[in-house]
Amino acid sequence: MSHQHPGGHHPEPEPYAALRTKALESLLIEKGLLSSDVVDAIVRNYEQDIGPLKGARVVAKAWVDPAFKQRLLADGSAAINELGLDGSRSPLVVVENTPSVHNVVVCTLCSCYPWAVLGLPPTWYKQPAYRSRVVIQPREVLREFGLELDESVEIRVWDSSAEQRYMVLPERPAGTESMGEDELAALVTRDSMIGVAKVKVPSARISSLSGRG
C-alpha cells in the first residue's frame, strides 16, 4: 500500500451520504429550523463524551480486573459484549500500551473506527494528513498532539479496516491504586484509546488522592 504526504495528494471526493447530510443540514439552517452551533455541539458531544464513555468503562474494567484484561486482549469483541456493548459488528482487537511499547490506531483507507466503544471518530482521524503521516512519521505526529515519547519506546501503528478495528488499552497512571472503577473511567479520554495521548491524573485529583492516606 502506498502512502502520500499531505502536500502530495489531491482532495478525495466526499461520500454521497456525507454530501446529502451536508445539503440537508444547510437547508434546515437556511429555514431557521436548526443552527450550526447546535449541530456542532451535538457532534462534539458524541465525539468526545457519549461514545468514548463506553470505551472508558472497558479500559477501567481492564485496569481493575486482570482476568477481564486477559480476555479483552485475547478477544476484544467477546470481552466488550460482557459489558453489554455490541462488539459483533466488526472484530475488535485491543492492543496494550506498556512502558516500552506505545500503540496508535489509524485507518489509511478511509475512517474505519471502533464505533461500538468510541462513538463517532474525531474529524482529524478522517483527514488524509493524519492517515498518511502517522504511518510514516508516527513519532513526529504524536509530538504534534503533545505526546513526547522517549526514543527507546517502540511505536506500533495499527491500520483499521472494515474487517477489523483496533482500540488502545492505555497505561494506567501511577498513583491511582486507590481509585475505584468509576473514578478511573472518568480519567480515560478518547484520544488515549486511539493512542495519540496518555491518560493523566489532574493535579487536583492527585492532591485529593494523597489526602486519603
Protein backbone atom coordinates (compact mmCIF):
# COMPACT_ATOMS: atom_id res chain seq x y z
CA MET A 1 0.00 0.00 0.00
CA SER A 2 1.39 3.40 -0.89
CA HIS A 3 1.13 6.45 1.38
CA GLN A 4 1.37 10.09 0.39
CA HIS A 5 2.34 13.13 2.38
CA PRO A 6 -0.38 15.75 2.90
CA GLY A 7 1.08 18.05 0.28
CA GLY A 8 1.29 15.41 -2.42
CA HIS A 9 -2.28 14.24 -2.85
CA HIS A 10 -5.47 15.53 -4.41
CA PRO A 11 -8.52 16.12 -2.20
CA GLU A 12 -10.65 12.99 -2.00
CA PRO A 13 -14.30 13.27 -3.02
CA GLU A 14 -16.72 13.10 -0.12
CA PRO A 15 -19.01 10.07 0.13
CA TYR A 16 -22.54 10.54 -1.27
CA ALA A 17 -24.10 10.12 2.19
CA ALA A 18 -21.89 12.88 3.60
CA LEU A 19 -22.85 15.24 0.78
CA ARG A 20 -26.56 14.55 1.33
CA THR A 21 -26.15 15.15 5.07
CA LYS A 22 -24.45 18.50 4.47
CA ALA A 23 -27.13 19.53 2.00
CA LEU A 24 -29.90 18.65 4.47
CA GLU A 25 -28.10 20.46 7.28
CA SER A 26 -27.69 23.58 5.13
CA LEU A 27 -31.38 23.53 4.18
CA LEU A 28 -32.52 23.23 7.82
CA ILE A 29 -30.21 26.06 8.89
CA GLU A 30 -31.40 28.25 5.99
CA LYS A 31 -35.03 27.74 7.03
CA GLY A 32 -34.24 28.57 10.64
CA LEU A 33 -35.11 25.11 11.92
CA LEU A 34 -31.58 24.38 13.06
CA SER A 35 -28.47 26.35 13.97
CA SER A 36 -24.90 25.46 13.14
CA ASP A 37 -23.97 25.90 16.82
CA VAL A 38 -26.45 23.21 17.81
CA VAL A 39 -25.10 20.84 15.16
CA ASP A 40 -21.51 21.46 16.29
CA ALA A 41 -22.46 20.89 19.93
CA ILE A 42 -24.23 17.61 19.19
CA VAL A 43 -21.35 16.28 17.09
CA ARG A 44 -18.83 17.34 19.74
CA ASN A 45 -20.91 15.61 22.41
CA TYR A 46 -20.91 12.31 20.53
CA GLU A 47 -17.24 12.60 19.57
CA GLN A 48 -15.89 13.47 23.00
CA ASP A 49 -18.42 12.37 25.59
CA ILE A 50 -21.20 9.87 24.86
CA GLY A 51 -19.25 7.47 22.63
CA PRO A 52 -15.89 7.42 24.44
CA LEU A 53 -17.60 6.80 27.80
CA LYS A 54 -18.20 3.23 26.66
CA GLY A 55 -14.55 2.69 25.87
CA ALA A 56 -13.56 4.30 29.16
CA ARG A 57 -15.66 1.71 31.00
CA VAL A 58 -13.83 -1.04 29.14
CA VAL A 59 -10.41 0.40 30.00
CA ALA A 60 -11.24 0.92 33.68
CA LYS A 61 -12.58 -2.62 33.96
CA ALA A 62 -9.36 -3.97 32.44
CA TRP A 63 -7.27 -1.94 34.88
CA VAL A 64 -9.00 -3.35 37.97
CA ASP A 65 -9.80 -6.86 36.75
CA PRO A 66 -6.77 -8.84 35.49
CA ALA A 67 -8.93 -11.74 34.27
CA PHE A 68 -11.10 -9.38 32.20
CA LYS A 69 -7.98 -7.69 30.83
CA GLN A 70 -6.66 -11.04 29.68
CA ARG A 71 -9.95 -11.82 27.92
CA LEU A 72 -10.02 -8.33 26.39
CA LEU A 73 -6.57 -8.71 24.87
CA ALA A 74 -7.40 -12.22 23.64
CA ASP A 75 -10.77 -11.35 22.07
CA GLY A 76 -11.84 -7.71 22.27
CA SER A 77 -15.28 -8.22 20.75
CA ALA A 78 -16.25 -11.01 23.15
CA ALA A 79 -14.95 -9.11 26.16
CA ILE A 80 -16.87 -5.90 25.48
CA ASN A 81 -20.01 -7.98 24.92
CA GLU A 82 -19.66 -8.96 28.58
CA LEU A 83 -20.26 -5.30 29.47
CA GLY A 84 -23.41 -5.11 27.36
CA LEU A 85 -21.73 -3.35 24.45
CA ASP A 86 -22.22 -4.54 20.88
CA GLY A 87 -18.87 -5.84 19.72
CA SER A 88 -20.18 -8.06 16.96
CA ARG A 89 -20.27 -5.57 14.05
CA SER A 90 -16.56 -5.80 13.27
CA PRO A 91 -13.91 -7.82 15.12
CA LEU A 92 -12.21 -5.60 17.71
CA VAL A 93 -8.54 -6.07 18.56
CA VAL A 94 -7.30 -4.35 21.73
CA VAL A 95 -3.59 -3.55 21.94
CA GLU A 96 -1.92 -2.69 25.23
CA ASN A 97 0.43 0.20 25.89
CA THR A 98 3.37 -0.54 28.17
CA PRO A 99 6.40 1.47 29.34
CA SER A 100 8.34 0.14 26.34
CA VAL A 101 5.64 -0.07 23.64
CA HIS A 102 3.19 2.61 22.53
CA ASN A 103 0.36 1.80 20.12
CA VAL A 104 -1.53 4.19 17.86
CA VAL A 105 -4.52 3.49 15.60
CA VAL A 106 -5.29 4.77 12.11
CA CYS A 107 -7.33 3.84 9.07
CA THR A 108 -5.25 4.53 5.99
CA LEU A 109 -8.02 3.77 3.50
CA CYS A 110 -10.92 5.80 4.90
CA SER A 111 -12.06 6.23 8.52
CA CYS A 112 -12.79 2.76 9.93
CA TYR A 113 -13.18 3.17 13.68
CA PRO A 114 -14.41 1.16 16.70
CA TRP A 115 -17.83 2.81 16.90
CA ALA A 116 -19.07 0.29 19.47
CA VAL A 117 -16.67 1.62 22.11
CA LEU A 118 -15.60 5.09 20.92
CA GLY A 119 -18.65 6.54 19.18
CA LEU A 120 -18.01 8.95 16.30
CA PRO A 121 -14.44 9.37 15.03
CA PRO A 122 -12.86 12.80 15.55
CA THR A 123 -12.53 14.98 12.46
CA TRP A 124 -8.73 14.79 12.41
CA TYR A 125 -8.85 10.96 12.34
CA LYS A 126 -10.56 11.14 8.94
CA GLN A 127 -8.16 13.67 7.42
CA PRO A 128 -5.61 12.46 4.79
CA ALA A 129 -2.84 14.29 6.65
CA TYR A 130 -3.24 12.08 9.73
CA ARG A 131 -3.98 8.90 7.82
CA SER A 132 -0.80 9.10 5.73
CA ARG A 133 1.67 10.74 8.09
CA VAL A 134 1.09 8.68 11.23
CA VAL A 135 2.19 5.56 9.35
CA ILE A 136 5.41 7.13 8.05
CA GLN A 137 6.23 9.61 10.83
CA PRO A 138 4.41 8.34 13.95
CA ARG A 139 6.77 9.90 16.48
CA GLU A 140 6.54 13.32 14.84
CA VAL A 141 2.74 13.16 14.55
CA LEU A 142 2.40 12.17 18.22
CA ARG A 143 4.66 15.07 19.13
CA GLU A 144 2.27 17.41 17.30
CA PHE A 145 -0.52 16.04 19.51
CA GLY A 146 1.59 16.99 22.52
CA LEU A 147 2.79 13.46 23.24
CA GLU A 148 6.57 13.26 23.54
CA LEU A 149 7.86 9.69 23.76
CA ASP A 150 11.37 8.62 24.66
CA GLU A 151 13.39 7.32 21.74
CA SER A 152 13.64 3.95 23.49
CA VAL A 153 9.85 3.46 23.28
CA GLU A 154 8.75 1.36 20.31
CA ILE A 155 5.78 2.80 18.39
CA ARG A 156 3.42 0.39 16.68
CA VAL A 157 0.83 1.67 14.20
CA TRP A 158 -2.30 -0.42 13.68
CA ASP A 159 -4.29 0.02 10.46
CA SER A 160 -8.04 -0.46 10.99
CA SER A 161 -10.28 -1.77 8.23
CA ALA A 162 -13.90 -2.72 7.64
CA GLU A 163 -12.96 -6.28 8.63
CA GLN A 164 -11.05 -5.42 11.81
CA ARG A 165 -10.97 -2.45 14.17
CA TYR A 166 -8.37 -1.56 16.80
CA MET A 167 -8.51 0.12 20.18
CA VAL A 168 -5.64 1.01 22.51
CA LEU A 169 -5.63 -0.06 26.15
CA PRO A 170 -3.65 2.85 27.65
CA GLU A 171 -1.31 2.54 30.60
CA ARG A 172 -2.87 3.04 34.00
CA PRO A 173 -1.40 6.22 35.53
CA ALA A 174 0.77 5.88 38.60
CA GLY A 175 -0.84 6.92 41.88
CA THR A 176 -4.33 5.65 41.02
CA GLU A 177 -4.13 2.42 43.01
CA SER A 178 -6.81 3.54 45.47
CA MET A 179 -9.25 4.73 42.81
CA GLY A 180 -12.42 2.83 42.01
CA GLU A 181 -13.60 1.76 38.57
CA ASP A 182 -15.88 4.77 38.04
CA GLU A 183 -13.15 7.19 39.08
CA LEU A 184 -10.69 5.55 36.71
CA ALA A 185 -13.16 5.64 33.82
CA ALA A 186 -13.53 9.40 34.31
CA LEU A 187 -9.80 9.80 33.58
CA VAL A 188 -9.82 7.92 30.27
CA THR A 189 -10.07 10.06 27.13
CA ARG A 190 -10.97 9.21 23.56
CA ASP A 191 -7.51 10.24 22.36
CA SER A 192 -5.81 7.87 24.80
CA MET A 193 -7.81 4.97 23.33
CA ILE A 194 -6.69 5.94 19.81
CA GLY A 195 -3.14 6.30 21.05
CA VAL A 196 -2.39 9.97 20.43
CA ALA A 197 -2.41 10.78 24.15
CA LYS A 198 -1.74 9.20 27.53
CA VAL A 199 -4.12 9.06 30.47
CA LYS A 200 -3.22 11.71 33.02
CA VAL A 201 -4.42 12.41 36.54
CA PRO A 202 -5.38 16.09 37.09
CA SER A 203 -3.25 17.76 39.77
CA ALA A 204 -6.35 18.44 41.89
CA ARG A 205 -7.19 14.74 41.83
CA ILE A 206 -3.62 13.82 42.83
CA SER A 207 -3.93 16.10 45.87
CA SER A 208 -7.22 14.50 46.91
CA LEU A 209 -5.78 11.01 46.48
CA SER A 210 -2.80 11.93 48.65
CA GLY A 211 -5.20 13.08 51.35
CA ARG A 212 -6.82 9.65 51.51
CA GLY A 213 -3.75 8.12 53.01
